[in-house]
Amino acid sequence: MLSFLRNVDLQGKTIIPFCTHGGGGFGQIQINIAKECQKSTILPGFESMSNFSEQQVKNWIEQIGL
């Protein structure tokens, strides 16, 4: 992920992180995105274990204003 962020110009873009995981969560990726993409808009991300519901995703999308 860091290689991608360092090699793609995301200046002025909106970044919306999301991931499914087995218990590790986002880890450091949100911090890394903020560090590598200082001239981007970064919206709150969605992370969940694989048993998330459609309603959780809908709630997140509403929360971030999409």
PDB file of N, CA and C in Angstrom:
ATOM      1  N   MET A   1       0.825  -1.184   0.000  1.00  0.00           N
ATOM      2  CA  MET A   1       0.000   0.000   0.000  1.00  0.00           C
ATOM      3  C   MET A   1       0.871   1.250   0.000  1.00  0.00           C
ATOM      4  N   LEU A   2       1.916   1.265   0.807  1.00  0.00           N
ATOM      5  CA  LEU A   2       2.781   2.436   0.843  1.00  0.00           C
ATOM      6  C   LEU A   2       3.457   2.691  -0.505  1.00  0.00           C
ATOM      7  N   SER A   3       3.858   1.640  -1.191  1.00  0.00           N
ATOM      8  CA  SER A   3       4.463   1.810  -2.517  1.00  0.00           C
ATOM      9  C   SER A   3       3.484   2.503  -3.453  1.00  0.00           C
ATOM     10  N   PHE A   4       2.227   2.105  -3.421  1.00  0.00           N
ATOM     11  CA  PHE A   4       1.200   2.728  -4.244  1.00  0.00           C
ATOM     12  C   PHE A   4       1.064   4.201  -3.893  1.00  0.00           C
ATOM     13  N   LEU A   5       0.933   4.498  -2.599  1.00  0.00           N
ATOM     14  CA  LEU A   5       0.745   5.881  -2.165  1.00  0.00           C
ATOM     15  C   LEU A   5       1.919   6.763  -2.562  1.00  0.00           C
ATOM     16  N   ARG A   6       3.107   6.216  -2.554  1.00  0.00           N
ATOM     17  CA  ARG A   6       4.307   6.987  -2.877  1.00  0.00           C
ATOM     18  C   ARG A   6       4.503   7.173  -4.377  1.00  0.00           C
ATOM     19  N   ASN A   7       3.839   6.363  -5.177  1.00  0.00           N
ATOM     20  CA  ASN A   7       4.064   6.404  -6.627  1.00  0.00           C
ATOM     21  C   ASN A   7       2.885   6.939  -7.432  1.00  0.00           C
ATOM     22  N   VAL A   8       1.821   7.326  -6.767  1.00  0.00           N
ATOM     23  CA  VAL A   8       0.647   7.846  -7.461  1.00  0.00           C
ATOM     24  C   VAL A   8       0.355   9.246  -6.917  1.00  0.00           C
ATOM     25  N   ASP A   9       0.096  10.183  -7.799  1.00  0.00           N
ATOM     26  CA  ASP A   9      -0.209  11.547  -7.374  1.00  0.00           C
ATOM     27  C   ASP A   9      -1.682  11.631  -6.968  1.00  0.00           C
ATOM     28  N   LEU A  10      -1.915  11.703  -5.675  1.00  0.00           N
ATOM     29  CA  LEU A  10      -3.284  11.803  -5.164  1.00  0.00           C
ATOM     30  C   LEU A  10      -3.590  13.204  -4.640  1.00  0.00           C
ATOM     31  N   GLN A  11      -2.734  14.157  -4.975  1.00  0.00           N
ATOM     32  CA  GLN A  11      -2.940  15.534  -4.543  1.00  0.00           C
ATOM     33  C   GLN A  11      -4.302  16.027  -5.002  1.00  0.00           C
ATOM     34  N   GLY A  12      -5.081  16.559  -4.066  1.00  0.00           N
ATOM     35  CA  GLY A  12      -6.402  17.087  -4.379  1.00  0.00           C
ATOM     36  C   GLY A  12      -7.499  16.037  -4.478  1.00  0.00           C
ATOM     37  N   LYS A  13      -7.140  14.779  -4.320  1.00  0.00           N
ATOM     38  CA  LYS A  13      -8.117  13.682  -4.409  1.00  0.00           C
ATOM     39  C   LYS A  13      -8.703  13.396  -3.028  1.00  0.00           C
ATOM     40  N   THR A  14      -9.843  12.732  -3.030  1.00  0.00           N
ATOM     41  CA  THR A  14     -10.457  12.265  -1.790  1.00  0.00           C
ATOM     42  C   THR A  14     -10.148  10.787  -1.634  1.00  0.00           C
ATOM     43  N   ILE A  15      -9.629  10.432  -0.474  1.00  0.00           N
ATOM     44  CA  ILE A  15      -9.267   9.054  -0.172  1.00  0.00           C
ATOM     45  C   ILE A  15     -10.215   8.539   0.901  1.00  0.00           C
ATOM     46  N   ILE A  16     -10.790   7.366   0.642  1.00  0.00           N
ATOM     47  CA  ILE A  16     -11.729   6.754   1.585  1.00  0.00           C
ATOM     48  C   ILE A  16     -11.229   5.343   1.894  1.00  0.00           C
ATOM     49  N   PRO A  17     -10.487   5.170   2.981  1.00  0.00           N
ATOM     50  CA  PRO A  17      -9.933   3.848   3.280  1.00  0.00           C
ATOM     51  C   PRO A  17     -11.002   2.869   3.758  1.00  0.00           C
ATOM     52  N   PHE A  18     -10.834   1.603   3.386  1.00  0.00           N
ATOM     53  CA  PHE A  18     -11.701   0.556   3.906  1.00  0.00           C
ATOM     54  C   PHE A  18     -10.947  -0.761   3.864  1.00  0.00           C
ATOM     55  N   CYS A  19     -11.277  -1.646   4.774  1.00  0.00           N
ATOM     56  CA  CYS A  19     -10.648  -2.972   4.769  1.00  0.00           C
ATOM     57  C   CYS A  19     -11.473  -3.957   5.586  1.00  0.00           C
ATOM     58  N   THR A  20     -11.351  -5.201   5.218  1.00  0.00           N
ATOM     59  CA  THR A  20     -11.819  -6.296   6.059  1.00  0.00           C
ATOM     60  C   THR A  20     -10.570  -6.994   6.575  1.00  0.00           C
ATOM     61  N   HIS A  21     -10.694  -7.620   7.726  1.00  0.00           N
ATOM     62  CA  HIS A  21      -9.515  -8.206   8.362  1.00  0.00           C
ATOM     63  C   HIS A  21      -9.912  -9.353   9.269  1.00  0.00           C
ATOM     64  N   GLY A  22      -8.922 -10.022   9.754  1.00  0.00           N
ATOM     65  CA  GLY A  22      -9.144 -11.142  10.663  1.00  0.00           C
ATOM     66  C   GLY A  22      -8.898 -10.791  12.115  1.00  0.00           C
ATOM     67  N   GLY A  23      -8.775  -9.497  12.401  1.00  0.00           N
ATOM     68  CA  GLY A  23      -8.582  -9.063  13.775  1.00  0.00           C
ATOM     69  C   GLY A  23      -7.549  -7.969  13.925  1.00  0.00           C
ATOM     70  N   GLY A  24      -6.830  -7.661  12.856  1.00  0.00           N
ATOM     71  CA  GLY A  24      -5.769  -6.659  12.943  1.00  0.00           C
ATOM     72  C   GLY A  24      -6.222  -5.230  12.743  1.00  0.00           C
ATOM     73  N   GLY A  25      -7.406  -5.036  12.209  1.00  0.00           N
ATOM     74  CA  GLY A  25      -7.905  -3.690  11.962  1.00  0.00           C
ATOM     75  C   GLY A  25      -7.084  -2.948  10.937  1.00  0.00           C
ATOM     76  N   PHE A  26      -7.144  -1.618  10.977  1.00  0.00           N
ATOM     77  CA  PHE A  26      -6.414  -0.784  10.041  1.00  0.00           C
ATOM     78  C   PHE A  26      -4.912  -0.798  10.306  1.00  0.00           C
ATOM     79  N   GLY A  27      -4.536  -1.123  11.522  1.00  0.00           N
ATOM     80  CA  GLY A  27      -3.119  -1.037  11.843  1.00  0.00           C
ATOM     81  C   GLY A  27      -2.663   0.408  11.688  1.00  0.00           C
ATOM     82  N   GLN A  28      -1.582   0.631  10.986  1.00  0.00           N
ATOM     83  CA  GLN A  28      -1.008   1.966  10.799  1.00  0.00           C
ATOM     84  C   GLN A  28      -1.395   2.623   9.477  1.00  0.00           C
ATOM     85  N   ILE A  29      -2.230   1.966   8.689  1.00  0.00           N
ATOM     86  CA  ILE A  29      -2.455   2.467   7.338  1.00  0.00           C
ATOM     87  C   ILE A  29      -3.087   3.859   7.307  1.00  0.00           C
ATOM     88  N   GLN A  30      -3.989   4.165   8.215  1.00  0.00           N
ATOM     89  CA  GLN A  30      -4.588   5.507   8.189  1.00  0.00           C
ATOM     90  C   GLN A  30      -3.546   6.571   8.510  1.00  0.00           C
ATOM     91  N   ILE A  31      -2.642   6.271   9.421  1.00  0.00           N
ATOM     92  CA  ILE A  31      -1.552   7.191   9.740  1.00  0.00           C
ATOM     93  C   ILE A  31      -0.649   7.349   8.516  1.00  0.00           C
ATOM     94  N   ASN A  32      -0.341   6.237   7.862  1.00  0.00           N
ATOM     95  CA  ASN A  32       0.516   6.282   6.677  1.00  0.00           C
ATOM     96  C   ASN A  32      -0.139   7.040   5.524  1.00  0.00           C
ATOM     97  N   ILE A  33      -1.423   6.846   5.344  1.00  0.00           N
ATOM     98  CA  ILE A  33      -2.134   7.583   4.284  1.00  0.00           C
ATOM     99  C   ILE A  33      -2.048   9.084   4.566  1.00  0.00           C
ATOM    100  N   ALA A  34      -2.311   9.473   5.809  1.00  0.00           N
ATOM    101  CA  ALA A  34      -2.266  10.894   6.168  1.00  0.00           C
ATOM    102  C   ALA A  34      -0.866  11.473   5.946  1.00  0.00           C
ATOM    103  N   LYS A  35       0.157  10.698   6.260  1.00  0.00           N
ATOM    104  CA  LYS A  35       1.538  11.152   6.099  1.00  0.00           C
ATOM    105  C   LYS A  35       1.920  11.274   4.619  1.00  0.00           C
ATOM    106  N   GLU A  36       1.525  10.303   3.817  1.00  0.00           N
ATOM    107  CA  GLU A  36       1.912  10.273   2.402  1.00  0.00           C
ATOM    108  C   GLU A  36       1.028  11.149   1.510  1.00  0.00           C
ATOM    109  N   CYS A  37      -0.152  11.468   1.972  1.00  0.00           N
ATOM    110  CA  CYS A  37      -1.129  12.183   1.130  1.00  0.00           C
ATOM    111  C   CYS A  37      -1.604  13.461   1.814  1.00  0.00           C
ATOM    112  N   GLN A  38      -0.672  14.283   2.194  1.00  0.00           N
ATOM    113  CA  GLN A  38      -0.989  15.490   2.961  1.00  0.00           C
ATOM    114  C   GLN A  38      -1.827  16.494   2.189  1.00  0.00           C
ATOM    115  N   LYS A  39      -1.818  16.418   0.879  1.00  0.00           N
ATOM    116  CA  LYS A  39      -2.591  17.361   0.074  1.00  0.00           C
ATOM    117  C   LYS A  39      -3.849  16.717  -0.499  1.00  0.00           C
ATOM    118  N   SER A  40      -4.300  15.665   0.178  1.00  0.00           N
ATOM    119  CA  SER A  40      -5.533  14.964  -0.195  1.00  0.00           C
ATOM    120  C   SER A  40      -6.538  15.118   0.931  1.00  0.00           C
ATOM    121  N   THR A  41      -7.786  14.921   0.612  1.00  0.00           N
ATOM    122  CA  THR A  41      -8.835  14.858   1.626  1.00  0.00           C
ATOM    123  C   THR A  41      -8.988  13.389   2.018  1.00  0.00           C
ATOM    124  N   ILE A  42      -8.915  13.110   3.310  1.00  0.00           N
ATOM    125  CA  ILE A  42      -9.019  11.727   3.782  1.00  0.00           C
ATOM    126  C   ILE A  42     -10.261  11.623   4.669  1.00  0.00           C
ATOM    127  N   LEU A  43     -11.237  10.869   4.199  1.00  0.00           N
ATOM    128  CA  LEU A  43     -12.472  10.680   4.951  1.00  0.00           C
ATOM    129  C   LEU A  43     -12.309   9.526   5.937  1.00  0.00           C
ATOM    130  N   PRO A  44     -13.158   9.488   6.969  1.00  0.00           N
ATOM    131  CA  PRO A  44     -13.086   8.382   7.918  1.00  0.00           C
ATOM    132  C   PRO A  44     -13.294   7.044   7.211  1.00  0.00           C
ATOM    133  N   GLY A  45     -12.489   6.086   7.565  1.00  0.00           N
ATOM    134  CA  GLY A  45     -12.527   4.781   6.917  1.00  0.00           C
ATOM    135  C   GLY A  45     -13.495   3.813   7.551  1.00  0.00           C
ATOM    136  N   PHE A  46     -13.637   2.687   6.898  1.00  0.00           N
ATOM    137  CA  PHE A  46     -14.465   1.580   7.387  1.00  0.00           C
ATOM    138  C   PHE A  46     -13.574   0.356   7.506  1.00  0.00           C
ATOM    139  N   GLU A  47     -13.594  -0.256   8.673  1.00  0.00           N
ATOM    140  CA  GLU A  47     -12.872  -1.510   8.855  1.00  0.00           C
ATOM    141  C   GLU A  47     -13.748  -2.457   9.642  1.00  0.00           C
ATOM    142  N   SER A  48     -13.693  -3.708   9.266  1.00  0.00           N
ATOM    143  CA  SER A  48     -14.515  -4.704   9.935  1.00  0.00           C
ATOM    144  C   SER A  48     -13.934  -6.087   9.685  1.00  0.00           C
ATOM    145  N   MET A  49     -14.276  -6.967  10.571  1.00  0.00           N
ATOM    146  CA  MET A  49     -13.985  -8.361  10.291  1.00  0.00           C
ATOM    147  C   MET A  49     -14.930  -8.792   9.177  1.00  0.00           C
ATOM    148  N   SER A  50     -14.758  -9.960   8.657  1.00  0.00           N
ATOM    149  CA  SER A  50     -15.499 -10.368   7.463  1.00  0.00           C
ATOM    150  C   SER A  50     -17.000 -10.550   7.686  1.00  0.00           C
ATOM    151  N   ASN A  51     -17.453 -10.453   8.906  1.00  0.00           N
ATOM    152  CA  ASN A  51     -18.878 -10.686   9.185  1.00  0.00           C
ATOM    153  C   ASN A  51     -19.675  -9.381   9.294  1.00  0.00           C
ATOM    154  N   PHE A  52     -19.311  -8.370   8.514  1.00  0.00           N
ATOM    155  CA  PHE A  52     -20.033  -7.105   8.576  1.00  0.00           C
ATOM    156  C   PHE A  52     -21.351  -7.212   7.806  1.00  0.00           C
ATOM    157  N   SER A  53     -22.258  -6.323   8.136  1.00  0.00           N
ATOM    158  CA  SER A  53     -23.563  -6.331   7.480  1.00  0.00           C
ATOM    159  C   SER A  53     -23.660  -5.202   6.460  1.00  0.00           C
ATOM    160  N   GLU A  54     -24.588  -5.358   5.560  1.00  0.00           N
ATOM    161  CA  GLU A  54     -24.859  -4.315   4.572  1.00  0.00           C
ATOM    162  C   GLU A  54     -25.249  -3.016   5.273  1.00  0.00           C
ATOM    163  N   GLN A  55     -25.980  -3.133   6.364  1.00  0.00           N
ATOM    164  CA  GLN A  55     -26.416  -1.937   7.093  1.00  0.00           C
ATOM    165  C   GLN A  55     -25.223  -1.181   7.681  1.00  0.00           C
ATOM    166  N   GLN A  56     -24.205  -1.884   8.143  1.00  0.00           N
ATOM    167  CA  GLN A  56     -23.010  -1.220   8.655  1.00  0.00           C
ATOM    168  C   GLN A  56     -22.350  -0.376   7.558  1.00  0.00           C
ATOM    169  N   VAL A  57     -22.280  -0.918   6.368  1.00  0.00           N
ATOM    170  CA  VAL A  57     -21.686  -0.193   5.245  1.00  0.00           C
ATOM    171  C   VAL A  57     -22.555   1.014   4.896  1.00  0.00           C
ATOM    172  N   LYS A  58     -23.857   0.836   4.844  1.00  0.00           N
ATOM    173  CA  LYS A  58     -24.758   1.949   4.558  1.00  0.00           C
ATOM    174  C   LYS A  58     -24.622   3.051   5.596  1.00  0.00           C
ATOM    175  N   ASN A  59     -24.536   2.680   6.874  1.00  0.00           N
ATOM    176  CA  ASN A  59     -24.373   3.659   7.954  1.00  0.00           C
ATOM    177  C   ASN A  59     -23.071   4.441   7.786  1.00  0.00           C
ATOM    178  N   TRP A  60     -21.993   3.733   7.438  1.00  0.00           N
ATOM    179  CA  TRP A  60     -20.696   4.381   7.228  1.00  0.00           C
ATOM    180  C   TRP A  60     -20.772   5.353   6.056  1.00  0.00           C
ATOM    181  N   ILE A  61     -21.372   4.951   4.962  1.00  0.00           N
ATOM    182  CA  ILE A  61     -21.490   5.803   3.792  1.00  0.00           C
ATOM    183  C   ILE A  61     -22.287   7.065   4.121  1.00  0.00           C
ATOM    184  N   GLU A  62     -23.351   6.910   4.881  1.00  0.00           N
ATOM    185  CA  GLU A  62     -24.139   8.077   5.301  1.00  0.00           C
ATOM    186  C   GLU A  62     -23.311   8.971   6.220  1.00  0.00           C
ATOM    187  N   GLN A  63     -22.560   8.367   7.132  1.00  0.00           N
ATOM    188  CA  GLN A  63     -21.746   9.098   8.092  1.00  0.00           C
ATOM    189  C   GLN A  63     -20.711   9.981   7.401  1.00  0.00           C
ATOM    190  N   ILE A  64     -20.119   9.487   6.323  1.00  0.00           N
ATOM    191  CA  ILE A  64     -19.091  10.265   5.635  1.00  0.00           C
ATOM    192  C   ILE A  64     -19.688  11.170   4.544  1.00  0.00           C
ATOM    193  N   GLY A  65     -20.993  11.153   4.419  1.00  0.00           N
ATOM    194  CA  GLY A  65     -21.674  12.099   3.542  1.00  0.00           C
ATOM    195  C   GLY A  65     -21.685  11.746   2.063  1.00  0.00           C
ATOM    196  N   LEU A  66     -21.646  10.449   1.754  1.00  0.00           N
ATOM    197  CA  LEU A  66     -21.703  10.046   0.348  1.00  0.00           C
ATOM    198  C   LEU A  66     -23.088   9.573  -0.022  1.00  0.00           C
TER     199      LEU A  66
END
